Amino acid sequence: MTGARLVARCVSGLETVVTREVLREQLGTISHIGHREVRFSGSESAAAGLRTADDVFQVTGRIPDIGHTRDSLPELARLAAGARLREGAAGVEVSASFLGRRNFNRYDAEDVVGRALSDRLGLPYHSRRAGTAPPPGYAGWRLTMDGQEATLMARVAGRPLHRRDYKRHAIPGTLHPPVAAAMALLAEPGPGQQVLDPCCGAGTVLIEAGRLQPQARLRGYDLDPGALAAARANAAASGTPVAFGRGDAARLPLPDRSVDRVLTNPPWGGQVPPGGRLSGTPGRLWAEIRRVLRPDGRAVVLIPDTAALASAIGHGLLPAHVQHVSLSGAHPHIVLLTPAPDRL
């Protein structure tokens, strides 16, 4: 497949998951997998539908990395030569990052490229130096310098992909949507299968599972009425049918072996303390997951560290895959669990 040179940016640890989604949806041909990015060739419009990526950009220019000295900054203006005007853009804004020590900061680099883009495209430039967000309708550009190359990229969508239209209500501990999408992709729910989140919060995981498999039967429980209200509002905004109800994750109103997939980001005591029967004994969650999960089912759970796996194994859930991610300064793991065979 040929097409535009694209770069999907993602949460650290999700690079292979993004690659899997690109290939699963036949979005393009992979050319490189690096730290927090996947490069591929494909359609810009199709790539804007990636759900496990934080954002997708089209490469518009590359030059050799300018090095560490401030005197070399003007060379970055050459990157604007290949820039194209996005239809309807009201202005331009630039976000930069680089590896290695430099005697200039990111804002110095952003302003050089931003002013060059402004001159070329005839649009106003918004500098991030003052810490203010760009006005609505400004086209986003990304500048990276990795020690070998300086690359300029244009965002393919009107705003970052991780900002979901449906997520109108958030609560403490709410999950980053691309991570929720990655969990759903790992669970692989099938048509007609029941997907459960026993600690549903604002509903993000179930909504992402519904986007992946619209024919799945989605059910979520939470003890917090405010969380359930947010979840219902978000699900309604997404058009995803989800059955929400108030329930204790350690004693769910569900029969044994009735659930095909469990997807959840439990309250481990970080931003949200465990409540109900999980209070003081969060390991009860594993026993309840094991009870409701079918023998051929899967559970995908976000855990704070791998120490939690000992309790899961002790309750008859075997880890089949562990994925480390870095998220907002934390370093949790996405773990895929399957029920241990029943003892004869």
C-alpha atoms as a PDB file:
ATOM      1  CA  MET A   1       0.000   0.000   0.000  1.00  0.00           C
ATOM      2  CA  THR A   2       1.297   3.444  -0.873  1.00  0.00           C
ATOM      3  CA  GLY A   3       0.218   6.748   0.555  1.00  0.00           C
ATOM      4  CA  ALA A   4       1.259   9.581   2.799  1.00  0.00           C
ATOM      5  CA  ARG A   5       4.148   9.184   5.219  1.00  0.00           C
ATOM      6  CA  LEU A   6       2.388   8.974   8.561  1.00  0.00           C
ATOM      7  CA  VAL A   7       3.487   8.838  12.187  1.00  0.00           C
ATOM      8  CA  ALA A   8       1.209   7.569  14.958  1.00  0.00           C
ATOM      9  CA  ARG A   9       2.228   8.903  18.387  1.00  0.00           C
ATOM     10  CA  CYS A  10       1.204   6.848  21.403  1.00  0.00           C
ATOM     11  CA  VAL A  11       1.593   6.147  25.108  1.00  0.00           C
ATOM     12  CA  SER A  12       4.946   4.533  25.882  1.00  0.00           C
ATOM     13  CA  GLY A  13       4.425   0.778  25.833  1.00  0.00           C
ATOM     14  CA  LEU A  14       1.596   0.768  23.291  1.00  0.00           C
ATOM     15  CA  GLU A  15       3.800   0.848  20.188  1.00  0.00           C
ATOM     16  CA  THR A  16       3.156  -2.806  19.288  1.00  0.00           C
ATOM     17  CA  VAL A  17      -0.566  -2.404  20.021  1.00  0.00           C
ATOM     18  CA  VAL A  18      -0.791   0.539  17.605  1.00  0.00           C
ATOM     19  CA  THR A  19       1.089  -1.552  15.044  1.00  0.00           C
ATOM     20  CA  ARG A  20      -1.414  -4.351  15.531  1.00  0.00           C
ATOM     21  CA  GLU A  21      -4.339  -1.969  14.997  1.00  0.00           C
ATOM     22  CA  VAL A  22      -2.799  -0.505  11.820  1.00  0.00           C
ATOM     23  CA  LEU A  23      -2.374  -4.009  10.397  1.00  0.00           C
ATOM     24  CA  ARG A  24      -5.733  -5.294  11.692  1.00  0.00           C
ATOM     25  CA  GLU A  25      -7.617  -2.435  10.034  1.00  0.00           C
ATOM     26  CA  GLN A  26      -5.382  -2.526   6.932  1.00  0.00           C
ATOM     27  CA  LEU A  27      -4.518   1.142   7.353  1.00  0.00           C
ATOM     28  CA  GLY A  28      -1.063   1.012   5.833  1.00  0.00           C
ATOM     29  CA  THR A  29       2.395  -0.501   5.565  1.00  0.00           C
ATOM     30  CA  ILE A  30       4.600  -0.304   8.674  1.00  0.00           C
ATOM     31  CA  SER A  31       8.080   1.140   8.097  1.00  0.00           C
ATOM     32  CA  HIS A  32       9.385   1.766  11.640  1.00  0.00           C
ATOM     33  CA  ILE A  33       8.472   1.119  15.269  1.00  0.00           C
ATOM     34  CA  GLY A  34      10.218   3.424  17.765  1.00  0.00           C
ATOM     35  CA  HIS A  35       9.771   4.973  21.181  1.00  0.00           C
ATOM     36  CA  ARG A  36       6.181   6.270  21.387  1.00  0.00           C
ATOM     37  CA  GLU A  37       5.746   6.214  17.616  1.00  0.00           C
ATOM     38  CA  VAL A  38       4.852   3.970  14.687  1.00  0.00           C
ATOM     39  CA  ARG A  39       5.663   5.094  11.160  1.00  0.00           C
ATOM     40  CA  PHE A  40       3.620   3.800   8.232  1.00  0.00           C
ATOM     41  CA  SER A  41       2.414   4.706   4.754  1.00  0.00           C
ATOM     42  CA  GLY A  42      -1.309   4.988   4.175  1.00  0.00           C
ATOM     43  CA  SER A  43      -4.393   7.162   3.881  1.00  0.00           C
ATOM     44  CA  GLU A  44      -4.599  10.243   6.109  1.00  0.00           C
ATOM     45  CA  SER A  45      -8.373  10.015   6.454  1.00  0.00           C
ATOM     46  CA  ALA A  46      -8.308   6.323   7.386  1.00  0.00           C
ATOM     47  CA  ALA A  47      -5.456   6.819   9.846  1.00  0.00           C
ATOM     48  CA  ALA A  48      -7.516   9.457  11.669  1.00  0.00           C
ATOM     49  CA  GLY A  49      -9.671   6.577  12.905  1.00  0.00           C
ATOM     50  CA  LEU A  50      -6.889   4.939  14.946  1.00  0.00           C
ATOM     51  CA  ARG A  51      -8.121   4.421  18.498  1.00  0.00           C
ATOM     52  CA  THR A  52      -4.982   3.187  20.280  1.00  0.00           C
ATOM     53  CA  ALA A  53      -2.887   6.169  19.126  1.00  0.00           C
ATOM     54  CA  ASP A  54      -2.803   9.526  20.897  1.00  0.00           C
ATOM     55  CA  ASP A  55      -2.397  11.328  17.595  1.00  0.00           C
ATOM     56  CA  VAL A  56      -1.452  10.839  13.932  1.00  0.00           C
ATOM     57  CA  PHE A  57       0.652  13.168  11.816  1.00  0.00           C
ATOM     58  CA  GLN A  58       1.748  13.383   8.203  1.00  0.00           C
ATOM     59  CA  VAL A  59       5.471  13.947   7.682  1.00  0.00           C
ATOM     60  CA  THR A  60       5.989  17.146   5.700  1.00  0.00           C
ATOM     61  CA  GLY A  61       9.733  17.625   5.991  1.00  0.00           C
ATOM     62  CA  ARG A  62      12.999  16.173   7.316  1.00  0.00           C
ATOM     63  CA  ILE A  63      16.486  17.634   7.610  1.00  0.00           C
ATOM     64  CA  PRO A  64      19.564  16.512   9.552  1.00  0.00           C
ATOM     65  CA  ASP A  65      19.280  17.278  13.266  1.00  0.00           C
ATOM     66  CA  ILE A  66      20.627  20.794  13.854  1.00  0.00           C
ATOM     67  CA  GLY A  67      22.656  19.808  16.914  1.00  0.00           C
ATOM     68  CA  HIS A  68      22.726  21.366  20.362  1.00  0.00           C
ATOM     69  CA  THR A  69      23.660  24.985  19.719  1.00  0.00           C
ATOM     70  CA  ARG A  70      21.328  27.964  19.639  1.00  0.00           C
ATOM     71  CA  ASP A  71      23.154  29.343  16.601  1.00  0.00           C
ATOM     72  CA  SER A  72      21.735  26.476  14.519  1.00  0.00           C
ATOM     73  CA  LEU A  73      18.090  27.219  15.311  1.00  0.00           C
ATOM     74  CA  PRO A  74      17.433  29.228  12.102  1.00  0.00           C
ATOM     75  CA  GLU A  75      18.097  26.059  10.086  1.00  0.00           C
ATOM     76  CA  LEU A  76      14.774  24.679  11.346  1.00  0.00           C
ATOM     77  CA  ALA A  77      12.919  27.217   9.210  1.00  0.00           C
ATOM     78  CA  ARG A  78      13.805  25.069   6.178  1.00  0.00           C
ATOM     79  CA  LEU A  79      11.318  22.461   7.393  1.00  0.00           C
ATOM     80  CA  ALA A  80       8.412  24.757   6.502  1.00  0.00           C
ATOM     81  CA  ALA A  81       9.223  24.553   2.793  1.00  0.00           C
ATOM     82  CA  GLY A  82       7.078  21.431   2.295  1.00  0.00           C
ATOM     83  CA  ALA A  83       4.137  22.593   4.397  1.00  0.00           C
ATOM     84  CA  ARG A  84       0.617  22.407   2.970  1.00  0.00           C
ATOM     85  CA  LEU A  85      -2.386  24.462   4.064  1.00  0.00           C
ATOM     86  CA  ARG A  86      -5.062  22.368   5.782  1.00  0.00           C
ATOM     87  CA  GLU A  87      -8.512  23.324   4.567  1.00  0.00           C
ATOM     88  CA  GLY A  88     -10.310  25.529   7.043  1.00  0.00           C
ATOM     89  CA  ALA A  89      -7.304  26.111   9.301  1.00  0.00           C
ATOM     90  CA  ALA A  90      -7.485  29.416  11.179  1.00  0.00           C
ATOM     91  CA  GLY A  91      -3.830  29.467  12.203  1.00  0.00           C
ATOM     92  CA  VAL A  92      -0.858  27.284  13.150  1.00  0.00           C
ATOM     93  CA  GLU A  93       0.618  26.023  16.411  1.00  0.00           C
ATOM     94  CA  VAL A  94       3.706  23.876  16.970  1.00  0.00           C
ATOM     95  CA  SER A  95       4.692  21.421  19.694  1.00  0.00           C
ATOM     96  CA  ALA A  96       8.368  20.359  19.833  1.00  0.00           C
ATOM     97  CA  SER A  97      10.400  17.686  21.603  1.00  0.00           C
ATOM     98  CA  PHE A  98      14.008  16.597  21.327  1.00  0.00           C
ATOM     99  CA  LEU A  99      16.465  14.069  22.679  1.00  0.00           C
ATOM    100  CA  GLY A 100      19.761  15.061  24.277  1.00  0.00           C
ATOM    101  CA  ARG A 101      21.035  18.209  25.939  1.00  0.00           C
ATOM    102  CA  ARG A 102      20.614  21.473  24.002  1.00  0.00           C
ATOM    103  CA  ASN A 103      21.400  25.082  24.892  1.00  0.00           C
ATOM    104  CA  PHE A 104      17.942  26.112  23.675  1.00  0.00           C
ATOM    105  CA  ASN A 105      14.496  25.050  24.880  1.00  0.00           C
ATOM    106  CA  ARG A 106      11.479  23.623  23.088  1.00  0.00           C
ATOM    107  CA  TYR A 107       9.813  27.028  22.795  1.00  0.00           C
ATOM    108  CA  ASP A 108      12.815  28.448  20.939  1.00  0.00           C
ATOM    109  CA  ALA A 109      12.521  25.656  18.366  1.00  0.00           C
ATOM    110  CA  GLU A 110       8.740  25.943  18.159  1.00  0.00           C
ATOM    111  CA  ASP A 111       8.850  29.667  17.510  1.00  0.00           C
ATOM    112  CA  VAL A 112      11.371  29.355  14.663  1.00  0.00           C
ATOM    113  CA  VAL A 113       9.261  26.739  12.884  1.00  0.00           C
ATOM    114  CA  GLY A 114       5.952  28.384  13.757  1.00  0.00           C
ATOM    115  CA  ARG A 115       6.949  31.760  12.333  1.00  0.00           C
ATOM    116  CA  ALA A 116       8.275  30.082   9.171  1.00  0.00           C
ATOM    117  CA  LEU A 117       4.968  28.219   8.773  1.00  0.00           C
ATOM    118  CA  SER A 118       3.076  31.461   9.352  1.00  0.00           C
ATOM    119  CA  ASP A 119       5.034  33.198   6.596  1.00  0.00           C
ATOM    120  CA  ARG A 120       4.598  30.319   4.158  1.00  0.00           C
ATOM    121  CA  LEU A 121       0.907  29.667   4.756  1.00  0.00           C
ATOM    122  CA  GLY A 122      -0.218  33.230   5.427  1.00  0.00           C
ATOM    123  CA  LEU A 123      -1.787  32.281   8.772  1.00  0.00           C
ATOM    124  CA  PRO A 124      -1.284  33.606  12.294  1.00  0.00           C
ATOM    125  CA  TYR A 125       1.010  31.657  14.611  1.00  0.00           C
ATOM    126  CA  HIS A 126       0.178  30.871  18.245  1.00  0.00           C
ATOM    127  CA  SER A 127       3.225  30.416  20.478  1.00  0.00           C
ATOM    128  CA  ARG A 128       3.002  27.997  23.404  1.00  0.00           C
ATOM    129  CA  ARG A 129       5.675  29.948  25.286  1.00  0.00           C
ATOM    130  CA  ALA A 130       3.116  31.729  27.469  1.00  0.00           C
ATOM    131  CA  GLY A 131       1.427  28.440  28.387  1.00  0.00           C
ATOM    132  CA  THR A 132      -1.908  29.307  26.762  1.00  0.00           C
ATOM    133  CA  ALA A 133      -3.865  26.897  24.585  1.00  0.00           C
ATOM    134  CA  PRO A 134      -4.163  27.725  20.870  1.00  0.00           C
ATOM    135  CA  PRO A 135      -7.455  29.191  19.662  1.00  0.00           C
ATOM    136  CA  PRO A 136     -10.021  26.806  18.132  1.00  0.00           C
ATOM    137  CA  GLY A 137      -9.333  25.849  14.516  1.00  0.00           C
ATOM    138  CA  TYR A 138      -5.552  26.212  14.640  1.00  0.00           C
ATOM    139  CA  ALA A 139      -3.753  23.446  12.727  1.00  0.00           C
ATOM    140  CA  GLY A 140      -1.373  21.417  14.894  1.00  0.00           C
ATOM    141  CA  TRP A 141       2.226  20.702  13.888  1.00  0.00           C
ATOM    142  CA  ARG A 142       4.761  18.473  15.617  1.00  0.00           C
ATOM    143  CA  LEU A 143       8.547  18.991  15.556  1.00  0.00           C
ATOM    144  CA  THR A 144      10.884  16.217  16.755  1.00  0.00           C
ATOM    145  CA  MET A 145      14.687  16.049  16.924  1.00  0.00           C
ATOM    146  CA  ASP A 146      16.206  12.659  17.740  1.00  0.00           C
ATOM    147  CA  GLY A 147      19.913  13.372  17.292  1.00  0.00           C
ATOM    148  CA  GLN A 148      19.860  12.177  13.682  1.00  0.00           C
ATOM    149  CA  GLU A 149      16.959  13.988  12.058  1.00  0.00           C
ATOM    150  CA  ALA A 150      14.689  16.944  12.646  1.00  0.00           C
ATOM    151  CA  THR A 151      11.184  16.070  11.452  1.00  0.00           C
ATOM    152  CA  LEU A 152       8.158  18.296  10.954  1.00  0.00           C
ATOM    153  CA  MET A 153       4.703  16.719  10.880  1.00  0.00           C
ATOM    154  CA  ALA A 154       1.174  18.032  10.393  1.00  0.00           C
ATOM    155  CA  ARG A 155      -1.729  16.645  12.451  1.00  0.00           C
ATOM    156  CA  VAL A 156      -4.150  14.767  10.157  1.00  0.00           C
ATOM    157  CA  ALA A 157      -7.251  15.513  12.260  1.00  0.00           C
ATOM    158  CA  GLY A 158      -8.658  18.734  13.639  1.00  0.00           C
ATOM    159  CA  ARG A 159      -7.529  17.868  17.175  1.00  0.00           C
ATOM    160  CA  PRO A 160      -5.539  15.108  18.947  1.00  0.00           C
ATOM    161  CA  LEU A 161      -7.121  11.681  18.508  1.00  0.00           C
ATOM    162  CA  HIS A 162      -7.077  10.908  22.230  1.00  0.00           C
ATOM    163  CA  ARG A 163      -9.673  13.647  22.797  1.00  0.00           C
ATOM    164  CA  ARG A 164     -12.830  11.634  22.238  1.00  0.00           C
ATOM    165  CA  ASP A 165     -16.003  13.505  21.356  1.00  0.00           C
ATOM    166  CA  TYR A 166     -18.033  11.279  23.665  1.00  0.00           C
ATOM    167  CA  LYS A 167     -15.970  11.939  26.788  1.00  0.00           C
ATOM    168  CA  ARG A 168     -17.953  14.875  28.095  1.00  0.00           C
ATOM    169  CA  HIS A 169     -17.879  13.818  31.743  1.00  0.00           C
ATOM    170  CA  ALA A 170     -14.778  12.717  33.651  1.00  0.00           C
ATOM    171  CA  ILE A 171     -14.175  11.550  37.204  1.00  0.00           C
ATOM    172  CA  PRO A 172     -10.981  11.021  39.256  1.00  0.00           C
ATOM    173  CA  GLY A 173      -9.053   8.031  37.949  1.00  0.00           C
ATOM    174  CA  THR A 174     -10.798   8.030  34.567  1.00  0.00           C
ATOM    175  CA  LEU A 175      -8.829   6.063  31.993  1.00  0.00           C
ATOM    176  CA  HIS A 176      -6.956   7.517  29.013  1.00  0.00           C
ATOM    177  CA  PRO A 177      -9.114   6.458  26.007  1.00  0.00           C
ATOM    178  CA  PRO A 178      -6.272   5.009  23.854  1.00  0.00           C
ATOM    179  CA  VAL A 179      -5.236   2.794  26.790  1.00  0.00           C
ATOM    180  CA  ALA A 180      -8.848   1.648  27.148  1.00  0.00           C
ATOM    181  CA  ALA A 181      -8.925   0.933  23.407  1.00  0.00           C
ATOM    182  CA  ALA A 182      -5.696  -1.072  23.729  1.00  0.00           C
ATOM    183  CA  MET A 183      -7.275  -3.151  26.496  1.00  0.00           C
ATOM    184  CA  ALA A 184     -10.306  -3.846  24.317  1.00  0.00           C
ATOM    185  CA  LEU A 185      -8.099  -4.825  21.388  1.00  0.00           C
ATOM    186  CA  LEU A 186      -6.224  -7.272  23.619  1.00  0.00           C
ATOM    187  CA  ALA A 187      -9.490  -8.797  24.878  1.00  0.00           C
ATOM    188  CA  GLU A 188     -10.846  -9.309  21.353  1.00  0.00           C
ATOM    189  CA  PRO A 189     -14.582  -9.383  22.175  1.00  0.00           C
ATOM    190  CA  GLY A 190     -16.698 -11.255  19.658  1.00  0.00           C
ATOM    191  CA  PRO A 191     -20.225 -10.625  18.321  1.00  0.00           C
ATOM    192  CA  GLY A 192     -22.857 -11.392  20.929  1.00  0.00           C
ATOM    193  CA  GLN A 193     -20.348 -11.887  23.732  1.00  0.00           C
ATOM    194  CA  GLN A 194     -20.998 -10.352  27.146  1.00  0.00           C
ATOM    195  CA  VAL A 195     -18.343  -7.823  28.155  1.00  0.00           C
ATOM    196  CA  LEU A 196     -18.238  -6.745  31.793  1.00  0.00           C
ATOM    197  CA  ASP A 197     -16.533  -3.892  33.635  1.00  0.00           C
ATOM    198  CA  PRO A 198     -17.125  -4.403  37.380  1.00  0.00           C
ATOM    199  CA  CYS A 199     -15.529  -1.010  38.207  1.00  0.00           C
ATOM    200  CA  CYS A 200     -16.797   0.968  35.243  1.00  0.00           C
ATOM    201  CA  GLY A 201     -16.133   4.549  36.402  1.00  0.00           C
ATOM    202  CA  ALA A 202     -16.960   6.955  33.584  1.00  0.00           C
ATOM    203  CA  GLY A 203     -17.551   4.076  31.139  1.00  0.00           C
ATOM    204  CA  THR A 204     -14.462   4.607  28.960  1.00  0.00           C
ATOM    205  CA  VAL A 205     -13.391   0.958  28.727  1.00  0.00           C
ATOM    206  CA  LEU A 206     -16.837  -0.304  27.769  1.00  0.00           C
ATOM    207  CA  ILE A 207     -17.383   2.451  25.221  1.00  0.00           C
ATOM    208  CA  GLU A 208     -14.072   1.631  23.551  1.00  0.00           C
ATOM    209  CA  ALA A 209     -14.984  -2.074  23.568  1.00  0.00           C
ATOM    210  CA  GLY A 210     -18.279  -1.188  21.901  1.00  0.00           C
ATOM    211  CA  ARG A 211     -16.508   0.800  19.203  1.00  0.00           C
ATOM    212  CA  LEU A 212     -14.273  -2.213  18.524  1.00  0.00           C
ATOM    213  CA  GLN A 213     -17.128  -4.750  18.541  1.00  0.00           C
ATOM    214  CA  PRO A 214     -20.548  -3.073  18.105  1.00  0.00           C
ATOM    215  CA  GLN A 215     -22.376  -6.404  18.486  1.00  0.00           C
ATOM    216  CA  ALA A 216     -20.977  -7.151  21.953  1.00  0.00           C
ATOM    217  CA  ARG A 217     -23.314  -6.986  24.972  1.00  0.00           C
ATOM    218  CA  LEU A 218     -21.826  -4.425  27.363  1.00  0.00           C
ATOM    219  CA  ARG A 219     -22.481  -4.272  31.109  1.00  0.00           C
ATOM    220  CA  GLY A 220     -20.906  -2.045  33.758  1.00  0.00           C
ATOM    221  CA  TYR A 221     -21.196  -1.725  37.547  1.00  0.00           C
ATOM    222  CA  ASP A 222     -19.947   0.858  40.017  1.00  0.00           C
ATOM    223  CA  LEU A 223     -20.751   1.869  43.600  1.00  0.00           C
ATOM    224  CA  ASP A 224     -20.445   5.609  42.936  1.00  0.00           C
ATOM    225  CA  PRO A 225     -23.692   7.218  41.668  1.00  0.00           C
ATOM    226  CA  GLY A 226     -21.664  10.105  40.231  1.00  0.00           C
ATOM    227  CA  ALA A 227     -19.519   7.709  38.210  1.00  0.00           C
ATOM    228  CA  LEU A 228     -22.608   5.924  36.884  1.00  0.00           C
ATOM    229  CA  ALA A 229     -24.161   9.240  35.853  1.00  0.00           C
ATOM    230  CA  ALA A 230     -20.979  10.168  33.980  1.00  0.00           C
ATOM    231  CA  ALA A 231     -20.824   6.732  32.357  1.00  0.00           C
ATOM    232  CA  ARG A 232     -24.415   6.908  31.164  1.00  0.00           C
ATOM    233  CA  ALA A 233     -23.902  10.389  29.738  1.00  0.00           C
ATOM    234  CA  ASN A 234     -20.693   9.394  27.937  1.00  0.00           C
ATOM    235  CA  ALA A 235     -22.239   6.220  26.525  1.00  0.00           C
ATOM    236  CA  ALA A 236     -25.243   8.173  25.281  1.00  0.00           C
ATOM    237  CA  ALA A 237     -22.951  10.722  23.616  1.00  0.00           C
ATOM    238  CA  SER A 238     -21.066   7.901  21.886  1.00  0.00           C
ATOM    239  CA  GLY A 239     -24.196   6.103  20.748  1.00  0.00           C
ATOM    240  CA  THR A 240     -22.983   2.924  22.464  1.00  0.00           C
ATOM    241  CA  PRO A 241     -25.653   0.825  24.227  1.00  0.00           C
ATOM    242  CA  VAL A 242     -24.363  -0.160  27.674  1.00  0.00           C
ATOM    243  CA  ALA A 243     -26.321  -1.577  30.614  1.00  0.00           C
ATOM    244  CA  PHE A 244     -25.066   0.229  33.726  1.00  0.00           C
ATOM    245  CA  GLY A 245     -26.058  -0.544  37.289  1.00  0.00           C
ATOM    246  CA  ARG A 246     -24.994   0.036  40.868  1.00  0.00           C
ATOM    247  CA  GLY A 247     -23.067  -2.935  42.138  1.00  0.00           C
ATOM    248  CA  ASP A 248     -20.176  -4.093  44.304  1.00  0.00           C
ATOM    249  CA  ALA A 249     -17.268  -5.461  42.252  1.00  0.00           C
ATOM    250  CA  ALA A 250     -16.691  -8.158  44.877  1.00  0.00           C
ATOM    251  CA  ARG A 251     -20.297  -9.427  44.738  1.00  0.00           C
ATOM    252  CA  LEU A 252     -21.815  -8.926  41.308  1.00  0.00           C
ATOM    253  CA  PRO A 253     -25.467  -9.740  40.520  1.00  0.00           C
ATOM    254  CA  LEU A 254     -24.391 -12.185  37.807  1.00  0.00           C
ATOM    255  CA  PRO A 255     -24.479 -15.988  37.542  1.00  0.00           C
ATOM    256  CA  ASP A 256     -21.323 -18.095  37.634  1.00  0.00           C
ATOM    257  CA  ARG A 257     -19.518 -18.454  34.302  1.00  0.00           C
ATOM    258  CA  SER A 258     -21.794 -15.979  32.515  1.00  0.00           C
ATOM    259  CA  VAL A 259     -19.264 -13.448  31.178  1.00  0.00           C
ATOM    260  CA  ASP A 260     -17.070 -13.798  28.086  1.00  0.00           C
ATOM    261  CA  ARG A 261     -14.784 -10.812  28.648  1.00  0.00           C
ATOM    262  CA  VAL A 262     -13.885  -8.724  31.693  1.00  0.00           C
ATOM    263  CA  LEU A 263     -12.291  -5.327  31.024  1.00  0.00           C
ATOM    264  CA  THR A 264     -11.517  -3.073  33.964  1.00  0.00           C
ATOM    265  CA  ASN A 265      -9.322  -0.431  35.582  1.00  0.00           C
ATOM    266  CA  PRO A 266      -9.952  -1.197  39.273  1.00  0.00           C
ATOM    267  CA  PRO A 267      -9.541   1.303  42.135  1.00  0.00           C
ATOM    268  CA  TRP A 268      -6.248   0.140  43.630  1.00  0.00           C
ATOM    269  CA  GLY A 269      -6.015   3.037  46.079  1.00  0.00           C
ATOM    270  CA  GLY A 270      -4.206   5.621  43.944  1.00  0.00           C
ATOM    271  CA  GLN A 271      -6.560   8.359  42.772  1.00  0.00           C
ATOM    272  CA  VAL A 272      -9.607   6.352  43.864  1.00  0.00           C
ATOM    273  CA  PRO A 273      -9.756   4.196  47.019  1.00  0.00           C
ATOM    274  CA  PRO A 274     -11.470   0.804  46.761  1.00  0.00           C
ATOM    275  CA  GLY A 275     -14.958   0.756  48.233  1.00  0.00           C
ATOM    276  CA  GLY A 276     -17.556  -1.747  49.326  1.00  0.00           C
ATOM    277  CA  ARG A 277     -16.271  -5.274  49.848  1.00  0.00           C
ATOM    278  CA  LEU A 278     -13.018  -4.360  48.075  1.00  0.00           C
ATOM    279  CA  SER A 279     -12.152  -1.887  50.827  1.00  0.00           C
ATOM    280  CA  GLY A 280      -9.147  -3.270  52.645  1.00  0.00           C
ATOM    281  CA  THR A 281      -9.161  -6.488  50.596  1.00  0.00           C
ATOM    282  CA  PRO A 282      -8.906  -5.535  46.901  1.00  0.00           C
ATOM    283  CA  GLY A 283      -7.850  -9.116  46.124  1.00  0.00           C
ATOM    284  CA  ARG A 284     -11.521 -10.099  46.342  1.00  0.00           C
ATOM    285  CA  LEU A 285     -11.866  -8.695  42.847  1.00  0.00           C
ATOM    286  CA  TRP A 286      -9.837 -11.600  41.427  1.00  0.00           C
ATOM    287  CA  ALA A 287     -12.111 -14.157  43.056  1.00  0.00           C
ATOM    288  CA  GLU A 288     -15.198 -12.491  41.601  1.00  0.00           C
ATOM    289  CA  ILE A 289     -13.673 -12.224  38.124  1.00  0.00           C
ATOM    290  CA  ARG A 290     -12.810 -15.930  38.291  1.00  0.00           C
ATOM    291  CA  ARG A 291     -16.374 -16.760  39.379  1.00  0.00           C
ATOM    292  CA  VAL A 292     -18.213 -14.927  36.593  1.00  0.00           C
ATOM    293  CA  LEU A 293     -15.761 -15.646  33.761  1.00  0.00           C
ATOM    294  CA  ARG A 294     -16.499 -18.482  31.362  1.00  0.00           C
ATOM    295  CA  PRO A 295     -13.849 -21.233  31.114  1.00  0.00           C
ATOM    296  CA  ASP A 296     -12.810 -19.914  27.686  1.00  0.00           C
ATOM    297  CA  GLY A 297     -13.108 -16.258  28.716  1.00  0.00           C
ATOM    298  CA  ARG A 298     -10.541 -13.488  29.031  1.00  0.00           C
ATOM    299  CA  ALA A 299      -9.948 -10.730  31.544  1.00  0.00           C
ATOM    300  CA  VAL A 300      -7.889  -7.646  30.723  1.00  0.00           C
ATOM    301  CA  VAL A 301      -7.059  -5.606  33.816  1.00  0.00           C
ATOM    302  CA  LEU A 302      -4.909  -2.534  34.445  1.00  0.00           C
ATOM    303  CA  ILE A 303      -2.743  -3.170  37.521  1.00  0.00           C
ATOM    304  CA  PRO A 304      -0.332  -0.772  39.286  1.00  0.00           C
ATOM    305  CA  ASP A 305       2.550  -3.295  39.362  1.00  0.00           C
ATOM    306  CA  THR A 306       3.186  -6.965  38.744  1.00  0.00           C
ATOM    307  CA  ALA A 307       3.003  -7.772  42.469  1.00  0.00           C
ATOM    308  CA  ALA A 308      -0.781  -7.930  42.033  1.00  0.00           C
ATOM    309  CA  LEU A 309      -0.366 -10.946  39.767  1.00  0.00           C
ATOM    310  CA  ALA A 310       0.416 -13.240  42.715  1.00  0.00           C
ATOM    311  CA  SER A 311      -3.079 -12.657  44.095  1.00  0.00           C
ATOM    312  CA  ALA A 312      -4.652 -13.155  40.662  1.00  0.00           C
ATOM    313  CA  ILE A 313      -2.831 -16.462  40.201  1.00  0.00           C
ATOM    314  CA  GLY A 314      -3.849 -17.519  43.686  1.00  0.00           C
ATOM    315  CA  HIS A 315      -7.480 -17.028  42.696  1.00  0.00           C
ATOM    316  CA  GLY A 316      -7.183 -19.150  39.550  1.00  0.00           C
ATOM    317  CA  LEU A 317      -6.397 -16.526  36.906  1.00  0.00           C
ATOM    318  CA  LEU A 318      -3.306 -17.138  34.777  1.00  0.00           C
ATOM    319  CA  PRO A 319      -1.424 -14.260  33.064  1.00  0.00           C
ATOM    320  CA  ALA A 320      -1.155 -14.816  29.318  1.00  0.00           C
ATOM    321  CA  HIS A 321       0.280 -11.401  28.421  1.00  0.00           C
ATOM    322  CA  VAL A 322       1.696  -8.458  30.369  1.00  0.00           C
ATOM    323  CA  GLN A 323       2.156  -5.032  28.751  1.00  0.00           C
ATOM    324  CA  HIS A 324       4.018  -2.281  30.614  1.00  0.00           C
ATOM    325  CA  VAL A 325       2.888   1.289  29.866  1.00  0.00           C
ATOM    326  CA  SER A 326       3.857   4.763  31.089  1.00  0.00           C
ATOM    327  CA  LEU A 327       0.894   6.984  31.772  1.00  0.00           C
ATOM    328  CA  SER A 328       0.831  10.420  33.442  1.00  0.00           C
ATOM    329  CA  GLY A 329       3.937   9.704  35.476  1.00  0.00           C
ATOM    330  CA  ALA A 330       2.739   6.246  36.542  1.00  0.00           C
ATOM    331  CA  HIS A 331       3.933   2.906  35.181  1.00  0.00           C
ATOM    332  CA  PRO A 332       1.040   0.429  35.304  1.00  0.00           C
ATOM    333  CA  HIS A 333       0.672  -2.847  33.423  1.00  0.00           C
ATOM    334  CA  ILE A 334      -2.071  -4.139  31.164  1.00  0.00           C
ATOM    335  CA  VAL A 335      -2.444  -7.837  31.926  1.00  0.00           C
ATOM    336  CA  LEU A 336      -4.411 -10.458  30.003  1.00  0.00           C
ATOM    337  CA  LEU A 337      -5.662 -13.273  32.241  1.00  0.00           C
ATOM    338  CA  THR A 338      -7.396 -16.550  31.477  1.00  0.00           C
ATOM    339  CA  PRO A 339      -9.093 -18.936  33.932  1.00  0.00           C
ATOM    340  CA  ALA A 340      -6.979 -21.825  35.152  1.00  0.00           C
ATOM    341  CA  PRO A 341      -8.435 -25.224  34.227  1.00  0.00           C
ATOM    342  CA  ASP A 342     -10.785 -26.593  36.834  1.00  0.00           C
ATOM    343  CA  ARG A 343      -9.256 -29.233  39.051  1.00  0.00           C
ATOM    344  CA  LEU A 344     -10.660 -32.708  38.571  1.00  0.00           C
END
